[in-house]
């Protein structure tokens, strides 16, 4: 698995790459379609009207080995400051399949550091999943 991100119209930047030794522990996309509950006049229950809105939540959990403990700690701060409060596009490659999560926003991050090893867990929310580059 290869995961890259792009901010604005720039080029894609590598987040992690299993073939380079980064250990992917989790790739968990989940989707939620929006519905509008509409009460029926005199009906005992509501009707659920599907809307066109979809919300995707993607969690990546991966382990990365850094050259020093200082670099590992700096990487945590860099990841947070890079993704804080901005929209970005995620590109995920699994085998020969490439999918995109457009306009993603980081909603949760946690990092477990032991020396030079850091397990990063990043959760993004996006509008949907697509096979077309944004």
N, C-alpha and C. Protein backbone atom coordinates (compact mmCIF):
# COMPACT_ATOMS: atom_id res chain seq x y z
N UNK A 1 0.84 -1.18 0.00
CA UNK A 1 0.00 0.00 0.00
C UNK A 1 0.88 1.24 0.00
N UNK A 2 0.47 2.19 -0.79
CA UNK A 2 1.17 3.46 -0.92
C UNK A 2 0.14 4.57 -0.68
N UNK A 3 0.43 5.48 0.24
CA UNK A 3 -0.49 6.58 0.53
C UNK A 3 0.24 7.90 0.33
N UNK A 4 -0.38 8.77 -0.46
CA UNK A 4 0.17 10.10 -0.72
C UNK A 4 -0.93 11.13 -0.45
N UNK A 5 -0.50 12.36 -0.25
CA UNK A 5 -1.46 13.45 -0.06
C UNK A 5 -1.05 14.63 -0.90
N UNK A 6 -2.04 15.47 -1.24
CA UNK A 6 -1.80 16.68 -2.02
C UNK A 6 -2.58 17.81 -1.39
N UNK A 7 -1.89 18.92 -1.15
CA UNK A 7 -2.53 20.11 -0.61
C UNK A 7 -2.70 21.10 -1.75
N UNK A 8 -3.94 21.49 -1.99
CA UNK A 8 -4.21 22.44 -3.08
C UNK A 8 -3.91 21.82 -4.44
N UNK A 9 -3.22 22.56 -5.28
CA UNK A 9 -2.92 22.09 -6.63
C UNK A 9 -1.48 21.59 -6.75
N UNK A 10 -0.81 21.43 -5.64
CA UNK A 10 0.58 20.97 -5.67
C UNK A 10 0.70 19.52 -6.08
N UNK A 11 1.92 19.01 -5.97
CA UNK A 11 2.19 17.61 -6.29
C UNK A 11 1.86 16.73 -5.09
N UNK A 12 1.67 15.45 -5.35
CA UNK A 12 1.43 14.50 -4.26
C UNK A 12 2.72 14.26 -3.48
N UNK A 13 2.59 14.16 -2.15
CA UNK A 13 3.71 13.93 -1.23
C UNK A 13 3.49 12.60 -0.54
N UNK A 14 4.54 11.83 -0.37
CA UNK A 14 4.46 10.51 0.24
C UNK A 14 4.11 10.62 1.73
N UNK A 15 3.11 9.85 2.16
CA UNK A 15 2.79 9.72 3.58
C UNK A 15 3.40 8.43 4.12
N UNK A 16 3.12 7.31 3.47
CA UNK A 16 3.82 6.08 3.81
C UNK A 16 3.77 5.09 2.65
N UNK A 17 4.74 4.17 2.66
CA UNK A 17 4.92 3.22 1.57
C UNK A 17 5.36 1.88 2.16
N UNK A 18 4.51 0.89 2.03
CA UNK A 18 4.85 -0.43 2.57
C UNK A 18 6.09 -1.02 1.90
N UNK A 19 6.26 -0.76 0.59
CA UNK A 19 7.41 -1.33 -0.11
C UNK A 19 8.73 -0.72 0.35
N UNK A 20 8.67 0.44 1.03
CA UNK A 20 9.88 1.08 1.55
C UNK A 20 10.13 0.69 3.01
N UNK A 21 9.34 -0.23 3.55
CA UNK A 21 9.56 -0.69 4.91
C UNK A 21 8.61 -0.16 5.95
N UNK A 22 7.72 0.76 5.58
CA UNK A 22 6.72 1.24 6.53
C UNK A 22 5.68 0.12 6.70
N UNK A 23 5.41 -0.24 7.93
CA UNK A 23 4.49 -1.34 8.20
C UNK A 23 3.07 -0.83 8.35
N UNK A 24 2.21 -1.21 7.40
CA UNK A 24 0.81 -0.81 7.45
C UNK A 24 0.07 -1.76 8.39
N UNK A 25 -0.52 -1.22 9.44
CA UNK A 25 -1.28 -2.03 10.37
C UNK A 25 -2.78 -1.97 10.09
N UNK A 26 -3.23 -0.87 9.49
CA UNK A 26 -4.67 -0.71 9.34
C UNK A 26 -4.99 0.28 8.22
N UNK A 27 -5.90 -0.11 7.36
CA UNK A 27 -6.50 0.79 6.39
C UNK A 27 -7.99 0.51 6.49
N UNK A 28 -8.73 1.43 7.06
CA UNK A 28 -10.13 1.17 7.38
C UNK A 28 -11.05 2.27 6.88
N UNK A 29 -11.44 2.21 5.61
CA UNK A 29 -12.42 3.20 5.14
C UNK A 29 -13.83 2.79 5.56
N UNK A 30 -14.61 3.77 5.96
CA UNK A 30 -16.01 3.56 6.33
C UNK A 30 -16.83 4.67 5.69
N UNK A 31 -18.05 4.34 5.29
CA UNK A 31 -18.89 5.30 4.58
C UNK A 31 -20.24 5.41 5.25
N UNK A 32 -20.76 6.62 5.24
CA UNK A 32 -22.08 6.87 5.82
C UNK A 32 -22.86 7.74 4.85
N UNK A 33 -23.97 7.20 4.37
CA UNK A 33 -24.85 7.95 3.49
C UNK A 33 -25.84 8.73 4.35
N UNK A 34 -26.08 9.95 3.96
CA UNK A 34 -27.00 10.81 4.71
C UNK A 34 -28.44 10.53 4.31
N UNK A 35 -29.30 10.56 5.29
CA UNK A 35 -30.74 10.42 5.05
C UNK A 35 -31.47 11.55 5.77
N UNK A 36 -32.64 11.85 5.28
CA UNK A 36 -33.49 12.87 5.89
C UNK A 36 -34.72 12.17 6.45
N UNK A 37 -34.86 12.13 7.78
CA UNK A 37 -36.07 11.51 8.35
C UNK A 37 -37.27 12.44 8.15
N UNK A 38 -38.32 11.90 7.56
CA UNK A 38 -39.52 12.69 7.27
C UNK A 38 -40.70 12.02 7.98
N UNK A 39 -41.30 12.74 8.92
CA UNK A 39 -42.46 12.14 9.59
C UNK A 39 -43.66 12.10 8.64
N UNK A 40 -44.33 10.98 8.64
CA UNK A 40 -45.54 10.86 7.82
C UNK A 40 -46.74 11.31 8.63
N UNK A 41 -47.64 12.02 8.01
CA UNK A 41 -48.82 12.51 8.73
C UNK A 41 -49.64 11.32 9.22
N UNK A 42 -49.76 11.21 10.54
CA UNK A 42 -50.54 10.13 11.13
C UNK A 42 -49.85 8.77 11.11
N UNK A 43 -48.66 8.70 10.58
CA UNK A 43 -47.94 7.42 10.49
C UNK A 43 -47.20 7.14 11.79
N UNK A 44 -47.08 5.88 12.17
CA UNK A 44 -46.40 5.55 13.43
C UNK A 44 -44.86 5.68 13.34
N UNK A 45 -44.32 5.75 12.15
CA UNK A 45 -42.86 5.84 12.02
C UNK A 45 -42.50 6.85 10.93
N UNK A 46 -41.21 7.16 10.86
CA UNK A 46 -40.71 8.13 9.90
C UNK A 46 -40.25 7.42 8.63
N UNK A 47 -40.30 8.14 7.53
CA UNK A 47 -39.74 7.67 6.28
C UNK A 47 -38.31 8.22 6.17
N UNK A 48 -37.39 7.39 5.73
CA UNK A 48 -36.00 7.82 5.55
C UNK A 48 -35.77 8.12 4.07
N UNK A 49 -35.55 9.40 3.75
CA UNK A 49 -35.34 9.83 2.37
C UNK A 49 -33.83 9.93 2.14
N UNK A 50 -33.28 9.15 1.17
CA UNK A 50 -31.84 9.21 0.93
C UNK A 50 -31.44 10.55 0.29
N UNK A 51 -30.34 11.10 0.77
CA UNK A 51 -29.78 12.32 0.20
C UNK A 51 -28.54 11.95 -0.61
N UNK A 52 -28.05 12.85 -1.40
CA UNK A 52 -26.87 12.57 -2.23
C UNK A 52 -25.57 12.68 -1.43
N UNK A 53 -25.65 13.15 -0.21
CA UNK A 53 -24.45 13.37 0.59
C UNK A 53 -23.90 12.06 1.15
N UNK A 54 -22.61 11.87 1.01
CA UNK A 54 -21.92 10.73 1.60
C UNK A 54 -20.76 11.27 2.40
N UNK A 55 -20.45 10.61 3.47
CA UNK A 55 -19.28 10.98 4.27
C UNK A 55 -18.40 9.74 4.39
N UNK A 56 -17.13 9.90 4.07
CA UNK A 56 -16.17 8.81 4.20
C UNK A 56 -15.23 9.12 5.35
N UNK A 57 -14.94 8.12 6.14
CA UNK A 57 -13.96 8.25 7.22
C UNK A 57 -12.89 7.21 6.98
N UNK A 58 -11.63 7.63 6.94
CA UNK A 58 -10.53 6.76 6.61
C UNK A 58 -9.51 6.80 7.73
N UNK A 59 -9.16 5.62 8.24
CA UNK A 59 -8.14 5.54 9.28
C UNK A 59 -6.94 4.78 8.73
N UNK A 60 -5.78 5.40 8.86
CA UNK A 60 -4.52 4.75 8.52
C UNK A 60 -3.74 4.56 9.81
N UNK A 61 -3.25 3.38 10.04
CA UNK A 61 -2.38 3.13 11.18
C UNK A 61 -1.14 2.43 10.63
N UNK A 62 0.00 3.08 10.80
CA UNK A 62 1.23 2.52 10.24
C UNK A 62 2.41 2.79 11.16
N UNK A 63 3.42 1.96 11.04
CA UNK A 63 4.63 2.08 11.84
C UNK A 63 5.77 2.54 10.95
N UNK A 64 6.50 3.51 11.45
CA UNK A 64 7.63 4.05 10.69
C UNK A 64 8.84 4.10 11.61
N UNK A 65 10.01 3.72 11.07
CA UNK A 65 11.26 3.75 11.81
C UNK A 65 12.06 4.96 11.34
N UNK A 66 12.45 5.81 12.28
CA UNK A 66 13.20 7.02 11.96
C UNK A 66 14.67 6.83 12.31
N UNK A 67 15.51 7.72 11.83
CA UNK A 67 16.96 7.58 12.03
C UNK A 67 17.39 7.88 13.46
N UNK A 68 16.58 8.62 14.21
CA UNK A 68 16.90 8.91 15.61
C UNK A 68 15.60 9.19 16.36
N UNK A 69 15.66 9.13 17.68
CA UNK A 69 14.48 9.44 18.49
C UNK A 69 14.07 10.90 18.31
N UNK A 70 15.07 11.78 18.15
CA UNK A 70 14.76 13.20 17.91
C UNK A 70 13.97 13.37 16.62
N UNK A 71 14.39 12.67 15.56
CA UNK A 71 13.67 12.77 14.28
C UNK A 71 12.27 12.18 14.39
N UNK A 72 12.12 11.14 15.19
CA UNK A 72 10.79 10.54 15.38
C UNK A 72 9.86 11.54 16.06
N UNK A 73 10.34 12.20 17.09
CA UNK A 73 9.53 13.20 17.80
C UNK A 73 9.20 14.38 16.89
N UNK A 74 10.18 14.81 16.12
CA UNK A 74 9.96 15.92 15.17
C UNK A 74 8.93 15.54 14.11
N UNK A 75 8.93 14.27 13.69
CA UNK A 75 7.98 13.82 12.68
C UNK A 75 6.54 13.92 13.18
N UNK A 76 6.33 13.63 14.46
CA UNK A 76 4.99 13.74 15.05
C UNK A 76 4.51 15.19 14.96
N UNK A 77 5.37 16.11 15.36
CA UNK A 77 4.99 17.54 15.31
C UNK A 77 4.77 18.00 13.88
N UNK A 78 5.60 17.52 12.96
CA UNK A 78 5.48 17.92 11.55
C UNK A 78 4.17 17.41 10.95
N UNK A 79 3.82 16.15 11.22
CA UNK A 79 2.55 15.63 10.71
C UNK A 79 1.38 16.45 11.20
N UNK A 80 1.38 16.76 12.47
CA UNK A 80 0.27 17.53 13.06
C UNK A 80 0.17 18.91 12.43
N UNK A 81 1.29 19.60 12.32
CA UNK A 81 1.25 20.96 11.76
C UNK A 81 0.94 20.95 10.26
N UNK A 82 1.33 19.91 9.55
CA UNK A 82 1.06 19.82 8.12
C UNK A 82 -0.43 19.66 7.84
N UNK A 83 -1.11 18.83 8.64
CA UNK A 83 -2.50 18.50 8.36
C UNK A 83 -3.52 19.30 9.16
N UNK A 84 -3.07 20.09 10.11
CA UNK A 84 -3.99 20.79 11.00
C UNK A 84 -4.81 21.85 10.26
N UNK A 85 -6.13 21.68 10.29
CA UNK A 85 -7.04 22.70 9.79
C UNK A 85 -7.06 22.94 8.30
N UNK A 86 -6.64 21.96 7.49
CA UNK A 86 -6.65 22.15 6.04
C UNK A 86 -7.35 21.00 5.34
N UNK A 87 -7.79 21.24 4.12
CA UNK A 87 -8.31 20.19 3.27
C UNK A 87 -7.19 19.69 2.37
N UNK A 88 -7.18 18.40 2.13
CA UNK A 88 -6.17 17.82 1.24
C UNK A 88 -6.80 16.66 0.49
N UNK A 89 -6.10 16.18 -0.52
CA UNK A 89 -6.56 15.03 -1.28
C UNK A 89 -5.66 13.85 -0.93
N UNK A 90 -6.28 12.71 -0.64
CA UNK A 90 -5.51 11.49 -0.36
C UNK A 90 -5.56 10.58 -1.57
N UNK A 91 -4.42 10.00 -1.88
CA UNK A 91 -4.32 9.02 -2.96
C UNK A 91 -3.82 7.71 -2.34
N UNK A 92 -4.59 6.64 -2.50
CA UNK A 92 -4.24 5.35 -1.92
C UNK A 92 -4.08 4.35 -3.06
N UNK A 93 -2.91 3.71 -3.10
CA UNK A 93 -2.63 2.70 -4.12
C UNK A 93 -2.48 1.35 -3.43
N UNK A 94 -3.31 0.41 -3.85
CA UNK A 94 -3.23 -0.96 -3.35
C UNK A 94 -3.08 -1.84 -4.58
N UNK A 95 -1.90 -2.46 -4.73
CA UNK A 95 -1.63 -3.22 -5.95
C UNK A 95 -1.64 -2.27 -7.14
N UNK A 96 -2.51 -2.56 -8.10
CA UNK A 96 -2.62 -1.68 -9.27
C UNK A 96 -3.84 -0.76 -9.20
N UNK A 97 -4.56 -0.81 -8.09
CA UNK A 97 -5.77 0.02 -7.94
C UNK A 97 -5.44 1.30 -7.20
N UNK A 98 -5.85 2.42 -7.78
CA UNK A 98 -5.64 3.74 -7.17
C UNK A 98 -7.00 4.36 -6.88
N UNK A 99 -7.20 4.77 -5.63
CA UNK A 99 -8.43 5.46 -5.24
C UNK A 99 -8.06 6.78 -4.58
N UNK A 100 -9.01 7.70 -4.60
CA UNK A 100 -8.80 9.04 -4.04
C UNK A 100 -9.88 9.35 -3.02
N UNK A 101 -9.48 10.08 -2.00
CA UNK A 101 -10.40 10.64 -1.02
C UNK A 101 -10.25 12.15 -1.12
N UNK A 102 -11.12 12.82 -1.90
CA UNK A 102 -10.98 14.25 -2.12
C UNK A 102 -11.43 15.08 -0.92
N UNK A 103 -10.81 16.22 -0.77
CA UNK A 103 -11.17 17.21 0.25
C UNK A 103 -11.23 16.60 1.65
N UNK A 104 -10.21 15.82 1.97
CA UNK A 104 -10.14 15.17 3.27
C UNK A 104 -9.64 16.14 4.33
N UNK A 105 -10.11 15.95 5.55
CA UNK A 105 -9.70 16.75 6.70
C UNK A 105 -9.30 15.81 7.82
N UNK A 106 -8.15 16.08 8.44
CA UNK A 106 -7.70 15.27 9.57
C UNK A 106 -8.61 15.54 10.76
N UNK A 107 -9.21 14.48 11.31
CA UNK A 107 -10.11 14.64 12.45
C UNK A 107 -9.54 14.04 13.73
N UNK A 108 -8.56 13.16 13.60
CA UNK A 108 -7.98 12.54 14.79
C UNK A 108 -6.59 12.02 14.44
N UNK A 109 -5.66 12.21 15.36
CA UNK A 109 -4.33 11.64 15.18
C UNK A 109 -3.78 11.22 16.53
N UNK A 110 -3.10 10.09 16.54
CA UNK A 110 -2.41 9.65 17.74
C UNK A 110 -1.10 8.99 17.31
N UNK A 111 -0.12 9.08 18.17
CA UNK A 111 1.22 8.62 17.83
C UNK A 111 1.82 7.93 19.05
N UNK A 112 2.34 6.73 18.85
CA UNK A 112 2.94 5.97 19.93
C UNK A 112 4.42 5.78 19.61
N UNK A 113 5.26 6.50 20.33
CA UNK A 113 6.69 6.48 20.06
C UNK A 113 7.44 5.63 21.08
N UNK A 114 8.27 4.73 20.58
CA UNK A 114 9.20 3.96 21.39
C UNK A 114 10.56 4.08 20.72
N UNK A 115 11.39 4.97 21.24
CA UNK A 115 12.71 5.21 20.62
C UNK A 115 12.56 5.77 19.22
N UNK A 116 13.10 5.02 18.24
CA UNK A 116 13.05 5.48 16.84
C UNK A 116 11.80 4.97 16.12
N UNK A 117 11.01 4.13 16.76
CA UNK A 117 9.78 3.58 16.16
C UNK A 117 8.57 4.42 16.57
N UNK A 118 7.76 4.77 15.58
CA UNK A 118 6.52 5.50 15.87
C UNK A 118 5.38 4.81 15.13
N UNK A 119 4.31 4.53 15.87
CA UNK A 119 3.08 4.06 15.24
C UNK A 119 2.16 5.26 15.13
N UNK A 120 1.90 5.66 13.89
CA UNK A 120 1.02 6.81 13.61
C UNK A 120 -0.38 6.28 13.31
N UNK A 121 -1.39 6.89 13.88
CA UNK A 121 -2.77 6.58 13.55
C UNK A 121 -3.44 7.90 13.16
N UNK A 122 -3.87 7.97 11.91
CA UNK A 122 -4.46 9.20 11.36
C UNK A 122 -5.85 8.90 10.83
N UNK A 123 -6.83 9.69 11.24
CA UNK A 123 -8.19 9.53 10.75
C UNK A 123 -8.60 10.80 10.01
N UNK A 124 -9.09 10.61 8.80
CA UNK A 124 -9.53 11.71 7.95
C UNK A 124 -11.01 11.53 7.63
N UNK A 125 -11.69 12.64 7.41
CA UNK A 125 -13.05 12.61 6.86
C UNK A 125 -12.99 13.23 5.48
N UNK A 126 -13.73 12.64 4.57
CA UNK A 126 -13.73 13.07 3.18
C UNK A 126 -15.15 13.02 2.64
N UNK A 127 -15.35 13.64 1.48
CA UNK A 127 -16.67 13.64 0.87
C UNK A 127 -17.05 12.26 0.36
N UNK A 128 -16.08 11.48 -0.13
CA UNK A 128 -16.38 10.17 -0.69
C UNK A 128 -15.09 9.53 -1.17
N UNK A 129 -15.21 8.39 -1.80
CA UNK A 129 -14.09 7.70 -2.44
C UNK A 129 -14.34 7.74 -3.94
N UNK A 130 -13.29 7.90 -4.73
CA UNK A 130 -13.44 7.96 -6.18
C UNK A 130 -12.21 7.36 -6.84
N UNK A 131 -12.36 6.98 -8.09
CA UNK A 131 -11.21 6.49 -8.86
C UNK A 131 -10.68 7.57 -9.79
N UNK A 132 -11.27 8.75 -9.74
CA UNK A 132 -10.86 9.87 -10.56
C UNK A 132 -10.09 10.87 -9.71
N UNK A 133 -8.91 11.27 -10.19
CA UNK A 133 -8.09 12.23 -9.44
C UNK A 133 -8.80 13.57 -9.33
N UNK A 134 -8.77 14.16 -8.12
CA UNK A 134 -9.43 15.47 -7.97
C UNK A 134 -8.62 16.58 -8.62
